[in-house]
């Protein structure tokens, strides 16, 4: 079986398993690793759920997918290593559900004119994204990514005020 047809076979097998767990299939990759094959499955939450994929969900999906793969011939008879993961913070924002889950986060938006904007993502709808009060229509949005930001979205109002947000005494 050609690699792309193996990926398609794994996708077809895994999608109903993930659906039954309330998750979405983000990506499947299959790569050789010595005598074994590494099957990496990236899962995500559907657009109507906030937060992130839990470790319990990853464990459940890993078990179910492993049983499904063990009972099929899609990978052939070679041994495989299964990796089930969720997208990291550095994944590109490519679908509206990615943007919806990034609400409140600091994002960099690549615009179709080659410019870029960085700001707090306030809202997302079928018209586009609201970036710090500026509505950017989907046809203007070329790319996006979440920026690593150690302040909580609700803390942004206190930033830049000159106030020290530390409330302790400084003593250990």
C-alpha atoms as a PDB file:
ATOM      1  CA  UNK A   1       0.000   0.000   0.000  1.00  0.00           C
ATOM      2  CA  UNK A   2       1.392   3.434  -0.958  1.00  0.00           C
ATOM      3  CA  UNK A   3       2.045   5.833   1.929  1.00  0.00           C
ATOM      4  CA  UNK A   4      -0.745   8.260   0.981  1.00  0.00           C
ATOM      5  CA  UNK A   5      -3.264   5.432   0.739  1.00  0.00           C
ATOM      6  CA  UNK A   6      -2.109   4.229   4.179  1.00  0.00           C
ATOM      7  CA  UNK A   7      -2.751   7.714   5.541  1.00  0.00           C
ATOM      8  CA  UNK A   8      -6.173   7.727   3.870  1.00  0.00           C
ATOM      9  CA  UNK A   9      -6.904   4.277   5.318  1.00  0.00           C
ATOM     10  CA  UNK A  10      -5.904   5.370   8.826  1.00  0.00           C
ATOM     11  CA  UNK A  11      -7.966   8.565   8.450  1.00  0.00           C
ATOM     12  CA  UNK A  12     -11.037   6.566   7.429  1.00  0.00           C
ATOM     13  CA  UNK A  13     -10.570   4.180  10.344  1.00  0.00           C
ATOM     14  CA  UNK A  14      -9.814   6.799  12.986  1.00  0.00           C
ATOM     15  CA  UNK A  15     -12.462   9.435  12.149  1.00  0.00           C
ATOM     16  CA  UNK A  16     -15.450   7.475  13.547  1.00  0.00           C
ATOM     17  CA  UNK A  17     -13.476   6.570  16.688  1.00  0.00           C
ATOM     18  CA  UNK A  18     -12.681  10.230  17.311  1.00  0.00           C
ATOM     19  CA  UNK A  19     -16.237  11.259  16.535  1.00  0.00           C
ATOM     20  CA  UNK A  20     -17.509   8.842  19.192  1.00  0.00           C
ATOM     21  CA  UNK A  21     -15.102  10.478  21.670  1.00  0.00           C
ATOM     22  CA  UNK A  22     -16.230  13.997  20.756  1.00  0.00           C
ATOM     23  CA  UNK A  23     -12.938  14.922  19.078  1.00  0.00           C
ATOM     24  CA  UNK A  24     -11.893  16.017  15.590  1.00  0.00           C
ATOM     25  CA  UNK A  25      -9.118  14.497  13.474  1.00  0.00           C
ATOM     26  CA  UNK A  26      -6.617  17.251  12.742  1.00  0.00           C
ATOM     27  CA  UNK A  27      -3.851  15.300  10.996  1.00  0.00           C
ATOM     28  CA  UNK A  28      -2.378  11.848  10.334  1.00  0.00           C
ATOM     29  CA  UNK A  29       1.250  11.208   9.445  1.00  0.00           C
ATOM     30  CA  UNK A  30       2.964   7.910   8.862  1.00  0.00           C
ATOM     31  CA  UNK A  31       6.757   7.774   8.818  1.00  0.00           C
ATOM     32  CA  UNK A  32       9.308   4.980   8.825  1.00  0.00           C
ATOM     33  CA  UNK A  33      11.503   4.694  11.924  1.00  0.00           C
ATOM     34  CA  UNK A  34      13.917   1.823  11.480  1.00  0.00           C
ATOM     35  CA  UNK A  35      11.995  -1.435  11.446  1.00  0.00           C
ATOM     36  CA  UNK A  36       8.900   0.238  12.780  1.00  0.00           C
ATOM     37  CA  UNK A  37       6.431   2.747  11.467  1.00  0.00           C
ATOM     38  CA  UNK A  38       5.427   5.798  13.499  1.00  0.00           C
ATOM     39  CA  UNK A  39       1.751   6.646  13.175  1.00  0.00           C
ATOM     40  CA  UNK A  40       1.086  10.146  14.537  1.00  0.00           C
ATOM     41  CA  UNK A  41      -2.522  11.200  14.993  1.00  0.00           C
ATOM     42  CA  UNK A  42      -3.284  14.786  15.933  1.00  0.00           C
ATOM     43  CA  UNK A  43      -6.690  15.328  17.538  1.00  0.00           C
ATOM     44  CA  UNK A  44      -8.478  18.511  18.490  1.00  0.00           C
ATOM     45  CA  UNK A  45     -11.691  19.721  20.039  1.00  0.00           C
ATOM     46  CA  UNK A  46     -14.659  20.561  17.830  1.00  0.00           C
ATOM     47  CA  UNK A  47     -15.448  24.243  17.417  1.00  0.00           C
ATOM     48  CA  UNK A  48     -18.246  24.161  19.980  1.00  0.00           C
ATOM     49  CA  UNK A  49     -15.893  23.164  22.828  1.00  0.00           C
ATOM     50  CA  UNK A  50     -13.499  25.501  24.601  1.00  0.00           C
ATOM     51  CA  UNK A  51     -10.292  24.548  26.337  1.00  0.00           C
ATOM     52  CA  UNK A  52      -7.908  21.837  25.292  1.00  0.00           C
ATOM     53  CA  UNK A  53      -7.853  18.102  24.771  1.00  0.00           C
ATOM     54  CA  UNK A  54      -7.329  16.417  28.147  1.00  0.00           C
ATOM     55  CA  UNK A  55      -4.817  13.682  28.916  1.00  0.00           C
ATOM     56  CA  UNK A  56      -7.710  11.361  29.743  1.00  0.00           C
ATOM     57  CA  UNK A  57      -9.142  11.936  26.265  1.00  0.00           C
ATOM     58  CA  UNK A  58      -5.729  11.285  24.686  1.00  0.00           C
ATOM     59  CA  UNK A  59      -5.409   8.032  26.662  1.00  0.00           C
ATOM     60  CA  UNK A  60      -8.901   6.878  25.682  1.00  0.00           C
ATOM     61  CA  UNK A  61      -8.349   7.684  22.012  1.00  0.00           C
ATOM     62  CA  UNK A  62      -4.926   5.988  22.056  1.00  0.00           C
ATOM     63  CA  UNK A  63      -6.452   2.771  23.367  1.00  0.00           C
ATOM     64  CA  UNK A  64      -9.368   2.790  20.920  1.00  0.00           C
ATOM     65  CA  UNK A  65      -7.242   3.662  17.899  1.00  0.00           C
ATOM     66  CA  UNK A  66      -4.638   1.059  18.835  1.00  0.00           C
ATOM     67  CA  UNK A  67      -7.330  -1.649  18.978  1.00  0.00           C
ATOM     68  CA  UNK A  68      -8.742  -0.507  15.630  1.00  0.00           C
ATOM     69  CA  UNK A  69      -5.305  -0.538  13.964  1.00  0.00           C
ATOM     70  CA  UNK A  70      -4.397  -3.919  15.485  1.00  0.00           C
ATOM     71  CA  UNK A  71      -7.558  -5.413  13.994  1.00  0.00           C
ATOM     72  CA  UNK A  72      -6.950  -4.084  10.490  1.00  0.00           C
ATOM     73  CA  UNK A  73      -4.505  -4.559   7.639  1.00  0.00           C
ATOM     74  CA  UNK A  74      -4.211  -0.867   6.760  1.00  0.00           C
ATOM     75  CA  UNK A  75      -0.606  -0.704   8.026  1.00  0.00           C
ATOM     76  CA  UNK A  76       0.379  -4.151   6.840  1.00  0.00           C
ATOM     77  CA  UNK A  77       2.174  -6.533   9.154  1.00  0.00           C
ATOM     78  CA  UNK A  78       5.096  -4.308  10.189  1.00  0.00           C
ATOM     79  CA  UNK A  79       5.205  -3.165  13.815  1.00  0.00           C
ATOM     80  CA  UNK A  80       4.153   0.403  14.504  1.00  0.00           C
ATOM     81  CA  UNK A  81       4.385   3.004  17.231  1.00  0.00           C
ATOM     82  CA  UNK A  82       1.227   5.020  17.803  1.00  0.00           C
ATOM     83  CA  UNK A  83       1.464   8.634  18.915  1.00  0.00           C
ATOM     84  CA  UNK A  84      -1.753  10.482  19.697  1.00  0.00           C
ATOM     85  CA  UNK A  85      -1.353  14.160  20.445  1.00  0.00           C
ATOM     86  CA  UNK A  86      -3.117  17.496  20.271  1.00  0.00           C
ATOM     87  CA  UNK A  87      -1.867  20.527  18.357  1.00  0.00           C
ATOM     88  CA  UNK A  88       0.587  22.688  20.223  1.00  0.00           C
ATOM     89  CA  UNK A  89       0.324  26.397  20.793  1.00  0.00           C
ATOM     90  CA  UNK A  90       2.559  27.014  17.776  1.00  0.00           C
ATOM     91  CA  UNK A  91       0.195  25.433  15.267  1.00  0.00           C
ATOM     92  CA  UNK A  92      -1.020  27.759  12.532  1.00  0.00           C
ATOM     93  CA  UNK A  93      -4.585  29.026  12.711  1.00  0.00           C
ATOM     94  CA  UNK A  94      -5.975  27.658   9.455  1.00  0.00           C
ATOM     95  CA  UNK A  95      -9.661  27.019  10.134  1.00  0.00           C
ATOM     96  CA  UNK A  96     -12.383  29.094  11.746  1.00  0.00           C
ATOM     97  CA  UNK A  97     -12.584  26.628  14.648  1.00  0.00           C
ATOM     98  CA  UNK A  98      -8.877  27.265  15.346  1.00  0.00           C
ATOM     99  CA  UNK A  99      -9.535  30.999  15.445  1.00  0.00           C
ATOM    100  CA  UNK A 100     -12.593  30.526  17.691  1.00  0.00           C
ATOM    101  CA  UNK A 101     -10.564  28.556  20.207  1.00  0.00           C
ATOM    102  CA  UNK A 102      -7.920  31.310  20.221  1.00  0.00           C
ATOM    103  CA  UNK A 103     -10.348  34.027  21.361  1.00  0.00           C
ATOM    104  CA  UNK A 104      -8.801  36.111  24.114  1.00  0.00           C
ATOM    105  CA  UNK A 105      -5.282  35.111  23.076  1.00  0.00           C
ATOM    106  CA  UNK A 106      -2.535  37.238  21.588  1.00  0.00           C
ATOM    107  CA  UNK A 107      -2.259  36.405  17.880  1.00  0.00           C
ATOM    108  CA  UNK A 108      -0.282  37.504  14.854  1.00  0.00           C
ATOM    109  CA  UNK A 109      -2.342  37.787  11.695  1.00  0.00           C
ATOM    110  CA  UNK A 110      -0.723  37.730   8.266  1.00  0.00           C
ATOM    111  CA  UNK A 111      -2.811  39.824   5.913  1.00  0.00           C
ATOM    112  CA  UNK A 112      -3.367  39.186   2.219  1.00  0.00           C
ATOM    113  CA  UNK A 113      -1.556  42.444   1.359  1.00  0.00           C
ATOM    114  CA  UNK A 114       1.648  41.134   2.986  1.00  0.00           C
ATOM    115  CA  UNK A 115       1.313  43.180   6.166  1.00  0.00           C
ATOM    116  CA  UNK A 116       0.866  41.636   9.603  1.00  0.00           C
ATOM    117  CA  UNK A 117      -0.906  42.656  12.786  1.00  0.00           C
ATOM    118  CA  UNK A 118      -0.432  41.432  16.334  1.00  0.00           C
ATOM    119  CA  UNK A 119      -3.093  41.898  18.971  1.00  0.00           C
ATOM    120  CA  UNK A 120      -5.653  40.318  21.232  1.00  0.00           C
ATOM    121  CA  UNK A 121      -8.256  38.261  19.337  1.00  0.00           C
ATOM    122  CA  UNK A 122     -11.611  39.470  20.627  1.00  0.00           C
ATOM    123  CA  UNK A 123     -14.140  37.594  18.510  1.00  0.00           C
ATOM    124  CA  UNK A 124     -14.614  35.357  15.490  1.00  0.00           C
ATOM    125  CA  UNK A 125     -17.658  34.947  13.273  1.00  0.00           C
ATOM    126  CA  UNK A 126     -18.576  34.104   9.706  1.00  0.00           C
ATOM    127  CA  UNK A 127     -17.543  37.610   8.554  1.00  0.00           C
ATOM    128  CA  UNK A 128     -14.010  37.515   9.958  1.00  0.00           C
ATOM    129  CA  UNK A 129     -12.037  38.170  13.109  1.00  0.00           C
ATOM    130  CA  UNK A 130     -12.166  41.067  15.548  1.00  0.00           C
ATOM    131  CA  UNK A 131      -8.623  42.013  16.484  1.00  0.00           C
ATOM    132  CA  UNK A 132      -8.540  44.699  19.186  1.00  0.00           C
ATOM    133  CA  UNK A 133     -11.599  46.487  17.806  1.00  0.00           C
ATOM    134  CA  UNK A 134     -10.688  46.096  14.131  1.00  0.00           C
ATOM    135  CA  UNK A 135     -12.794  43.705  12.050  1.00  0.00           C
ATOM    136  CA  UNK A 136     -10.638  41.834   9.540  1.00  0.00           C
ATOM    137  CA  UNK A 137     -12.713  40.068   6.879  1.00  0.00           C
ATOM    138  CA  UNK A 138     -11.751  36.486   6.081  1.00  0.00           C
ATOM    139  CA  UNK A 139     -10.594  37.480   2.580  1.00  0.00           C
ATOM    140  CA  UNK A 140      -7.977  39.765   4.212  1.00  0.00           C
ATOM    141  CA  UNK A 141      -6.691  37.057   6.576  1.00  0.00           C
ATOM    142  CA  UNK A 142      -3.891  35.012   4.974  1.00  0.00           C
ATOM    143  CA  UNK A 143      -2.439  33.316   8.060  1.00  0.00           C
ATOM    144  CA  UNK A 144      -2.424  33.370  11.811  1.00  0.00           C
ATOM    145  CA  UNK A 145      -0.665  32.035  14.848  1.00  0.00           C
ATOM    146  CA  UNK A 146      -1.014  32.282  18.592  1.00  0.00           C
ATOM    147  CA  UNK A 147       1.819  34.131  20.282  1.00  0.00           C
ATOM    148  CA  UNK A 148       3.255  32.867  23.534  1.00  0.00           C
ATOM    149  CA  UNK A 149       1.908  35.249  26.156  1.00  0.00           C
ATOM    150  CA  UNK A 150       2.329  34.671  29.870  1.00  0.00           C
ATOM    151  CA  UNK A 151      -0.324  37.151  30.936  1.00  0.00           C
ATOM    152  CA  UNK A 152      -3.916  36.036  31.175  1.00  0.00           C
ATOM    153  CA  UNK A 153      -6.249  37.835  28.757  1.00  0.00           C
ATOM    154  CA  UNK A 154      -7.992  39.525  31.698  1.00  0.00           C
ATOM    155  CA  UNK A 155      -4.634  40.883  32.877  1.00  0.00           C
ATOM    156  CA  UNK A 156      -4.124  42.988  29.761  1.00  0.00           C
ATOM    157  CA  UNK A 157      -6.034  45.946  31.204  1.00  0.00           C
ATOM    158  CA  UNK A 158      -3.530  46.176  34.063  1.00  0.00           C
ATOM    159  CA  UNK A 159      -0.545  46.059  31.725  1.00  0.00           C
ATOM    160  CA  UNK A 160       1.083  49.329  30.889  1.00  0.00           C
ATOM    161  CA  UNK A 161      -0.385  51.146  33.903  1.00  0.00           C
ATOM    162  CA  UNK A 162       2.883  51.191  35.785  1.00  0.00           C
ATOM    163  CA  UNK A 163       1.263  49.322  38.656  1.00  0.00           C
ATOM    164  CA  UNK A 164       3.114  46.440  40.202  1.00  0.00           C
ATOM    165  CA  UNK A 165       0.805  43.446  39.982  1.00  0.00           C
ATOM    166  CA  UNK A 166       2.750  41.574  42.658  1.00  0.00           C
ATOM    167  CA  UNK A 167       0.741  41.674  45.842  1.00  0.00           C
ATOM    168  CA  UNK A 168       3.086  39.799  48.142  1.00  0.00           C
ATOM    169  CA  UNK A 169       5.495  41.239  50.690  1.00  0.00           C
ATOM    170  CA  UNK A 170       8.614  40.149  48.889  1.00  0.00           C
ATOM    171  CA  UNK A 171       9.631  38.005  51.851  1.00  0.00           C
ATOM    172  CA  UNK A 172      10.336  34.311  51.560  1.00  0.00           C
END
